[in-house]
Amino acid sequence: MKRSHPGVLRDILAVNMRRIRTDRGLSQEALADLCELDRTYIGSIERRQRNVSIDNLERIAKALRLEPWKLIKRSVE
């Protein structure tokens, strides 16, 4: 059965990824280059349109120089 809405972790990933990327002064294109992924793919993750594989989550985390779990950790603010 196909889900009609993205999961909670997809939302958390999108928010965290955009915040960390912008905090580090990176454009979507610059992050995509570091990850060796397409810029449109990075944008679609940030818009919650992609269900990201573990492999790509690891690539993004490595490019941002952080542990992968930090991308899917709900912030307690």
PDB file of N, CA and C in Angstrom:
ATOM      1  N   MET A   1       0.843  -1.180   0.000  1.00  0.00           N
ATOM      2  CA  MET A   1       0.000   0.000   0.000  1.00  0.00           C
ATOM      3  C   MET A   1       0.886   1.240   0.000  1.00  0.00           C
ATOM      4  N   LYS A   2       0.605   2.176  -0.884  1.00  0.00           N
ATOM      5  CA  LYS A   2       1.373   3.407  -0.981  1.00  0.00           C
ATOM      6  C   LYS A   2       0.914   4.398   0.073  1.00  0.00           C
ATOM      7  N   ARG A   3       1.906   5.027   0.727  1.00  0.00           N
ATOM      8  CA  ARG A   3       1.594   6.041   1.742  1.00  0.00           C
ATOM      9  C   ARG A   3       1.177   7.329   1.064  1.00  0.00           C
ATOM     10  N   SER A   4       0.245   8.020   1.659  1.00  0.00           N
ATOM     11  CA  SER A   4      -0.232   9.273   1.084  1.00  0.00           C
ATOM     12  C   SER A   4       0.543  10.484   1.591  1.00  0.00           C
ATOM     13  N   HIS A   5       1.375  10.284   2.607  1.00  0.00           N
ATOM     14  CA  HIS A   5       2.164  11.398   3.133  1.00  0.00           C
ATOM     15  C   HIS A   5       3.524  10.872   3.595  1.00  0.00           C
ATOM     16  N   PRO A   6       4.525  11.733   3.590  1.00  0.00           N
ATOM     17  CA  PRO A   6       5.855  11.288   4.029  1.00  0.00           C
ATOM     18  C   PRO A   6       5.874  10.993   5.518  1.00  0.00           C
ATOM     19  N   GLY A   7       6.817  10.163   5.912  1.00  0.00           N
ATOM     20  CA  GLY A   7       6.974   9.831   7.318  1.00  0.00           C
ATOM     21  C   GLY A   7       7.602  10.962   8.107  1.00  0.00           C
ATOM     22  N   VAL A   8       7.548  10.841   9.402  1.00  0.00           N
ATOM     23  CA  VAL A   8       8.074  11.866  10.304  1.00  0.00           C
ATOM     24  C   VAL A   8       9.584  12.032  10.118  1.00  0.00           C
ATOM     25  N   LEU A   9      10.309  10.928   9.955  1.00  0.00           N
ATOM     26  CA  LEU A   9      11.761  11.042   9.791  1.00  0.00           C
ATOM     27  C   LEU A   9      12.130  11.811   8.526  1.00  0.00           C
ATOM     28  N   ARG A  10      11.326  11.696   7.489  1.00  0.00           N
ATOM     29  CA  ARG A  10      11.580  12.455   6.257  1.00  0.00           C
ATOM     30  C   ARG A  10      11.459  13.947   6.542  1.00  0.00           C
ATOM     31  N   ASP A  11      10.479  14.330   7.350  1.00  0.00           N
ATOM     32  CA  ASP A  11      10.324  15.741   7.734  1.00  0.00           C
ATOM     33  C   ASP A  11      11.521  16.219   8.555  1.00  0.00           C
ATOM     34  N   ILE A  12      11.937  15.407   9.523  1.00  0.00           N
ATOM     35  CA  ILE A  12      13.064  15.771  10.380  1.00  0.00           C
ATOM     36  C   ILE A  12      14.332  15.909   9.548  1.00  0.00           C
ATOM     37  N   LEU A  13      14.558  14.957   8.653  1.00  0.00           N
ATOM     38  CA  LEU A  13      15.728  15.009   7.778  1.00  0.00           C
ATOM     39  C   LEU A  13      15.733  16.286   6.949  1.00  0.00           C
ATOM     40  N   ALA A  14      14.611  16.619   6.360  1.00  0.00           N
ATOM     41  CA  ALA A  14      14.521  17.806   5.510  1.00  0.00           C
ATOM     42  C   ALA A  14      14.868  19.077   6.287  1.00  0.00           C
ATOM     43  N   VAL A  15      14.291  19.219   7.468  1.00  0.00           N
ATOM     44  CA  VAL A  15      14.530  20.414   8.286  1.00  0.00           C
ATOM     45  C   VAL A  15      15.994  20.483   8.723  1.00  0.00           C
ATOM     46  N   ASN A  16      16.504  19.360   9.236  1.00  0.00           N
ATOM     47  CA  ASN A  16      17.884  19.335   9.717  1.00  0.00           C
ATOM     48  C   ASN A  16      18.881  19.583   8.588  1.00  0.00           C
ATOM     49  N   MET A  17      18.655  18.930   7.472  1.00  0.00           N
ATOM     50  CA  MET A  17      19.587  19.061   6.360  1.00  0.00           C
ATOM     51  C   MET A  17      19.652  20.510   5.861  1.00  0.00           C
ATOM     52  N   ARG A  18      18.509  21.133   5.686  1.00  0.00           N
ATOM     53  CA  ARG A  18      18.484  22.528   5.215  1.00  0.00           C
ATOM     54  C   ARG A  18      19.147  23.453   6.235  1.00  0.00           C
ATOM     55  N   ARG A  19      18.840  23.253   7.514  1.00  0.00           N
ATOM     56  CA  ARG A  19      19.417  24.113   8.560  1.00  0.00           C
ATOM     57  C   ARG A  19      20.937  23.967   8.607  1.00  0.00           C
ATOM     58  N   ILE A  20      21.419  22.745   8.620  1.00  0.00           N
ATOM     59  CA  ILE A  20      22.863  22.513   8.697  1.00  0.00           C
ATOM     60  C   ILE A  20      23.552  23.040   7.443  1.00  0.00           C
ATOM     61  N   ARG A  21      22.960  22.783   6.286  1.00  0.00           N
ATOM     62  CA  ARG A  21      23.548  23.248   5.021  1.00  0.00           C
ATOM     63  C   ARG A  21      23.664  24.766   5.002  1.00  0.00           C
ATOM     64  N   THR A  22      22.593  25.454   5.375  1.00  0.00           N
ATOM     65  CA  THR A  22      22.633  26.916   5.339  1.00  0.00           C
ATOM     66  C   THR A  22      23.532  27.482   6.432  1.00  0.00           C
ATOM     67  N   ASP A  23      23.550  26.836   7.614  1.00  0.00           N
ATOM     68  CA  ASP A  23      24.453  27.272   8.690  1.00  0.00           C
ATOM     69  C   ASP A  23      25.912  27.207   8.232  1.00  0.00           C
ATOM     70  N   ARG A  24      26.206  26.262   7.367  1.00  0.00           N
ATOM     71  CA  ARG A  24      27.579  26.107   6.877  1.00  0.00           C
ATOM     72  C   ARG A  24      27.843  26.899   5.610  1.00  0.00           C
ATOM     73  N   GLY A  25      26.854  27.678   5.197  1.00  0.00           N
ATOM     74  CA  GLY A  25      27.036  28.548   4.035  1.00  0.00           C
ATOM     75  C   GLY A  25      27.094  27.809   2.711  1.00  0.00           C
ATOM     76  N   LEU A  26      26.472  26.657   2.654  1.00  0.00           N
ATOM     77  CA  LEU A  26      26.491  25.857   1.428  1.00  0.00           C
ATOM     78  C   LEU A  26      25.181  26.011   0.664  1.00  0.00           C
ATOM     79  N   SER A  27      25.290  26.147  -0.635  1.00  0.00           N
ATOM     80  CA  SER A  27      24.107  26.102  -1.486  1.00  0.00           C
ATOM     81  C   SER A  27      23.750  24.638  -1.704  1.00  0.00           C
ATOM     82  N   GLN A  28      22.567  24.390  -2.247  1.00  0.00           N
ATOM     83  CA  GLN A  28      22.200  23.017  -2.591  1.00  0.00           C
ATOM     84  C   GLN A  28      23.189  22.445  -3.600  1.00  0.00           C
ATOM     85  N   GLU A  29      23.598  23.270  -4.539  1.00  0.00           N
ATOM     86  CA  GLU A  29      24.545  22.818  -5.557  1.00  0.00           C
ATOM     87  C   GLU A  29      25.903  22.458  -4.947  1.00  0.00           C
ATOM     88  N   ALA A  30      26.373  23.276  -4.021  1.00  0.00           N
ATOM     89  CA  ALA A  30      27.665  22.994  -3.378  1.00  0.00           C
ATOM     90  C   ALA A  30      27.595  21.695  -2.576  1.00  0.00           C
ATOM     91  N   LEU A  31      26.501  21.493  -1.841  1.00  0.00           N
ATOM     92  CA  LEU A  31      26.351  20.254  -1.095  1.00  0.00           C
ATOM     93  C   LEU A  31      26.268  19.062  -2.040  1.00  0.00           C
ATOM     94  N   ALA A  32      25.525  19.218  -3.107  1.00  0.00           N
ATOM     95  CA  ALA A  32      25.404  18.141  -4.094  1.00  0.00           C
ATOM     96  C   ALA A  32      26.773  17.761  -4.654  1.00  0.00           C
ATOM     97  N   ASP A  33      27.598  18.748  -4.938  1.00  0.00           N
ATOM     98  CA  ASP A  33      28.950  18.475  -5.437  1.00  0.00           C
ATOM     99  C   ASP A  33      29.766  17.695  -4.410  1.00  0.00           C
ATOM    100  N   LEU A  34      29.676  18.083  -3.156  1.00  0.00           N
ATOM    101  CA  LEU A  34      30.416  17.387  -2.098  1.00  0.00           C
ATOM    102  C   LEU A  34      29.947  15.939  -1.941  1.00  0.00           C
ATOM    103  N   CYS A  35      28.656  15.714  -2.163  1.00  0.00           N
ATOM    104  CA  CYS A  35      28.071  14.375  -2.015  1.00  0.00           C
ATOM    105  C   CYS A  35      28.182  13.543  -3.285  1.00  0.00           C
ATOM    106  N   GLU A  36      28.513  14.207  -4.375  1.00  0.00           N
ATOM    107  CA  GLU A  36      28.491  13.587  -5.704  1.00  0.00           C
ATOM    108  C   GLU A  36      27.081  13.096  -6.038  1.00  0.00           C
ATOM    109  N   LEU A  37      26.104  13.962  -5.718  1.00  0.00           N
ATOM    110  CA  LEU A  37      24.703  13.731  -6.050  1.00  0.00           C
ATOM    111  C   LEU A  37      24.221  14.906  -6.881  1.00  0.00           C
ATOM    112  N   ASP A  38      23.063  14.776  -7.488  1.00  0.00           N
ATOM    113  CA  ASP A  38      22.515  15.856  -8.303  1.00  0.00           C
ATOM    114  C   ASP A  38      21.872  16.928  -7.421  1.00  0.00           C
ATOM    115  N   ARG A  39      21.986  18.185  -7.820  1.00  0.00           N
ATOM    116  CA  ARG A  39      21.405  19.286  -7.062  1.00  0.00           C
ATOM    117  C   ARG A  39      19.897  19.126  -6.921  1.00  0.00           C
ATOM    118  N   THR A  40      19.237  18.650  -7.960  1.00  0.00           N
ATOM    119  CA  THR A  40      17.786  18.483  -7.880  1.00  0.00           C
ATOM    120  C   THR A  40      17.404  17.406  -6.862  1.00  0.00           C
ATOM    121  N   TYR A  41      18.270  16.425  -6.676  1.00  0.00           N
ATOM    122  CA  TYR A  41      18.037  15.383  -5.674  1.00  0.00           C
ATOM    123  C   TYR A  41      18.110  15.988  -4.267  1.00  0.00           C
ATOM    124  N   ILE A  42      19.122  16.824  -4.032  1.00  0.00           N
ATOM    125  CA  ILE A  42      19.258  17.499  -2.729  1.00  0.00           C
ATOM    126  C   ILE A  42      18.025  18.357  -2.462  1.00  0.00           C
ATOM    127  N   GLY A  43      17.590  19.103  -3.464  1.00  0.00           N
ATOM    128  CA  GLY A  43      16.399  19.942  -3.307  1.00  0.00           C
ATOM    129  C   GLY A  43      15.154  19.130  -3.010  1.00  0.00           C
ATOM    130  N   SER A  44      15.023  17.997  -3.667  1.00  0.00           N
ATOM    131  CA  SER A  44      13.831  17.170  -3.444  1.00  0.00           C
ATOM    132  C   SER A  44      13.835  16.538  -2.045  1.00  0.00           C
ATOM    133  N   ILE A  45      15.016  16.283  -1.495  1.00  0.00           N
ATOM    134  CA  ILE A  45      15.090  15.802  -0.102  1.00  0.00           C
ATOM    135  C   ILE A  45      14.609  16.904   0.833  1.00  0.00           C
ATOM    136  N   GLU A  46      15.094  18.120   0.601  1.00  0.00           N
ATOM    137  CA  GLU A  46      14.718  19.241   1.462  1.00  0.00           C
ATOM    138  C   GLU A  46      13.242  19.611   1.325  1.00  0.00           C
ATOM    139  N   ARG A  47      12.621  19.239   0.210  1.00  0.00           N
ATOM    140  CA  ARG A  47      11.182  19.478   0.028  1.00  0.00           C
ATOM    141  C   ARG A  47      10.346  18.271   0.454  1.00  0.00           C
ATOM    142  N   ARG A  48      11.006  17.283   1.054  1.00  0.00           N
ATOM    143  CA  ARG A  48      10.336  16.089   1.588  1.00  0.00           C
ATOM    144  C   ARG A  48       9.742  15.208   0.498  1.00  0.00           C
ATOM    145  N   GLN A  49      10.304  15.260  -0.707  1.00  0.00           N
ATOM    146  CA  GLN A  49       9.779  14.488  -1.824  1.00  0.00           C
ATOM    147  C   GLN A  49      10.508  13.163  -2.019  1.00  0.00           C
ATOM    148  N   ARG A  50      11.628  12.976  -1.366  1.00  0.00           N
ATOM    149  CA  ARG A  50      12.439  11.769  -1.557  1.00  0.00           C
ATOM    150  C   ARG A  50      12.499  10.921  -0.306  1.00  0.00           C
ATOM    151  N   ASN A  51      12.451   9.622  -0.521  1.00  0.00           N
ATOM    152  CA  ASN A  51      12.696   8.657   0.533  1.00  0.00           C
ATOM    153  C   ASN A  51      14.163   8.255   0.366  1.00  0.00           C
ATOM    154  N   VAL A  52      15.026   8.801   1.161  1.00  0.00           N
ATOM    155  CA  VAL A  52      16.475   8.706   0.981  1.00  0.00           C
ATOM    156  C   VAL A  52      16.987   7.339   1.422  1.00  0.00           C
ATOM    157  N   SER A  53      17.883   6.783   0.628  1.00  0.00           N
ATOM    158  CA  SER A  53      18.497   5.512   1.002  1.00  0.00           C
ATOM    159  C   SER A  53      19.528   5.743   2.114  1.00  0.00           C
ATOM    160  N   ILE A  54      19.840   4.686   2.823  1.00  0.00           N
ATOM    161  CA  ILE A  54      20.869   4.745   3.872  1.00  0.00           C
ATOM    162  C   ILE A  54      22.206   5.167   3.263  1.00  0.00           C
ATOM    163  N   ASP A  55      22.509   4.665   2.077  1.00  0.00           N
ATOM    164  CA  ASP A  55      23.769   5.012   1.420  1.00  0.00           C
ATOM    165  C   ASP A  55      23.861   6.505   1.141  1.00  0.00           C
ATOM    166  N   ASN A  56      22.776   7.102   0.643  1.00  0.00           N
ATOM    167  CA  ASN A  56      22.801   8.536   0.356  1.00  0.00           C
ATOM    168  C   ASN A  56      22.777   9.368   1.630  1.00  0.00           C
ATOM    169  N   LEU A  57      22.108   8.884   2.660  1.00  0.00           N
ATOM    170  CA  LEU A  57      22.148   9.571   3.956  1.00  0.00           C
ATOM    171  C   LEU A  57      23.593   9.626   4.456  1.00  0.00           C
ATOM    172  N   GLU A  58      24.297   8.533   4.299  1.00  0.00           N
ATOM    173  CA  GLU A  58      25.703   8.485   4.710  1.00  0.00           C
ATOM    174  C   GLU A  58      26.557   9.446   3.878  1.00  0.00           C
ATOM    175  N   ARG A  59      26.311   9.520   2.586  1.00  0.00           N
ATOM    176  CA  ARG A  59      27.067  10.447   1.719  1.00  0.00           C
ATOM    177  C   ARG A  59      26.833  11.901   2.120  1.00  0.00           C
ATOM    178  N   ILE A  60      25.590  12.234   2.406  1.00  0.00           N
ATOM    179  CA  ILE A  60      25.246  13.606   2.801  1.00  0.00           C
ATOM    180  C   ILE A  60      25.894  13.937   4.139  1.00  0.00           C
ATOM    181  N   ALA A  61      25.802  13.025   5.088  1.00  0.00           N
ATOM    182  CA  ALA A  61      26.407  13.250   6.409  1.00  0.00           C
ATOM    183  C   ALA A  61      27.916  13.432   6.287  1.00  0.00           C
ATOM    184  N   LYS A  62      28.548  12.603   5.485  1.00  0.00           N
ATOM    185  CA  LYS A  62      29.998  12.712   5.294  1.00  0.00           C
ATOM    186  C   LYS A  62      30.355  14.074   4.710  1.00  0.00           C
ATOM    187  N   ALA A  63      29.580  14.533   3.735  1.00  0.00           N
ATOM    188  CA  ALA A  63      29.833  15.836   3.113  1.00  0.00           C
ATOM    189  C   ALA A  63      29.657  16.971   4.119  1.00  0.00           C
ATOM    190  N   LEU A  64      28.722  16.803   5.053  1.00  0.00           N
ATOM    191  CA  LEU A  64      28.475  17.823   6.085  1.00  0.00           C
ATOM    192  C   LEU A  64      29.363  17.628   7.309  1.00  0.00           C
ATOM    193  N   ARG A  65      30.191  16.601   7.284  1.00  0.00           N
ATOM    194  CA  ARG A  65      31.128  16.266   8.360  1.00  0.00           C
ATOM    195  C   ARG A  65      30.424  16.056   9.697  1.00  0.00           C
ATOM    196  N   LEU A  66      29.431  15.160   9.669  1.00  0.00           N
ATOM    197  CA  LEU A  66      28.751  14.796  10.902  1.00  0.00           C
ATOM    198  C   LEU A  66      28.296  13.352  10.830  1.00  0.00           C
ATOM    199  N   GLU A  67      27.930  12.813  11.972  1.00  0.00           N
ATOM    200  CA  GLU A  67      27.444  11.438  12.030  1.00  0.00           C
ATOM    201  C   GLU A  67      26.053  11.375  11.395  1.00  0.00           C
ATOM    202  N   PRO A  68      25.760  10.337  10.617  1.00  0.00           N
ATOM    203  CA  PRO A  68      24.466  10.252   9.926  1.00  0.00           C
ATOM    204  C   PRO A  68      23.249  10.373  10.844  1.00  0.00           C
ATOM    205  N   TRP A  69      23.335   9.830  12.054  1.00  0.00           N
ATOM    206  CA  TRP A  69      22.178   9.872  12.951  1.00  0.00           C
ATOM    207  C   TRP A  69      21.780  11.296  13.307  1.00  0.00           C
ATOM    208  N   LYS A  70      22.719  12.222  13.218  1.00  0.00           N
ATOM    209  CA  LYS A  70      22.401  13.612  13.556  1.00  0.00           C
ATOM    210  C   LYS A  70      21.449  14.240  12.538  1.00  0.00           C
ATOM    211  N   LEU A  71      21.407  13.690  11.336  1.00  0.00           N
ATOM    212  CA  LEU A  71      20.491  14.212  10.317  1.00  0.00           C
ATOM    213  C   LEU A  71      19.046  13.811  10.583  1.00  0.00           C
ATOM    214  N   ILE A  72      18.839  12.753  11.351  1.00  0.00           N
ATOM    215  CA  ILE A  72      17.475  12.303  11.607  1.00  0.00           C
ATOM    216  C   ILE A  72      17.088  12.414  13.085  1.00  0.00           C
ATOM    217  N   LYS A  73      17.879  13.162  13.823  1.00  0.00           N
ATOM    218  CA  LYS A  73      17.580  13.375  15.244  1.00  0.00           C
ATOM    219  C   LYS A  73      16.631  14.562  15.399  1.00  0.00           C
ATOM    220  N   ARG A  74      15.561  14.325  16.083  1.00  0.00           N
ATOM    221  CA  ARG A  74      14.613  15.406  16.374  1.00  0.00           C
ATOM    222  C   ARG A  74      15.284  16.349  17.368  1.00  0.00           C
ATOM    223  N   SER A  75      15.298  17.634  17.042  1.00  0.00           N
ATOM    224  CA  SER A  75      15.911  18.588  17.957  1.00  0.00           C
ATOM    225  C   SER A  75      14.974  18.855  19.127  1.00  0.00           C
ATOM    226  N   VAL A  76      15.555  19.035  20.274  1.00  0.00           N
ATOM    227  CA  VAL A  76      14.772  19.290  21.484  1.00  0.00           C
ATOM    228  C   VAL A  76      15.034  20.733  21.889  1.00  0.00           C
ATOM    229  N   GLU A  77      14.298  21.635  21.270  1.00  0.00           N
ATOM    230  CA  GLU A  77      14.515  23.061  21.522  1.00  0.00           C
ATOM    231  C   GLU A  77      13.331  23.685  22.195  1.00  0.00           C
TER     232      GLU A  77
END
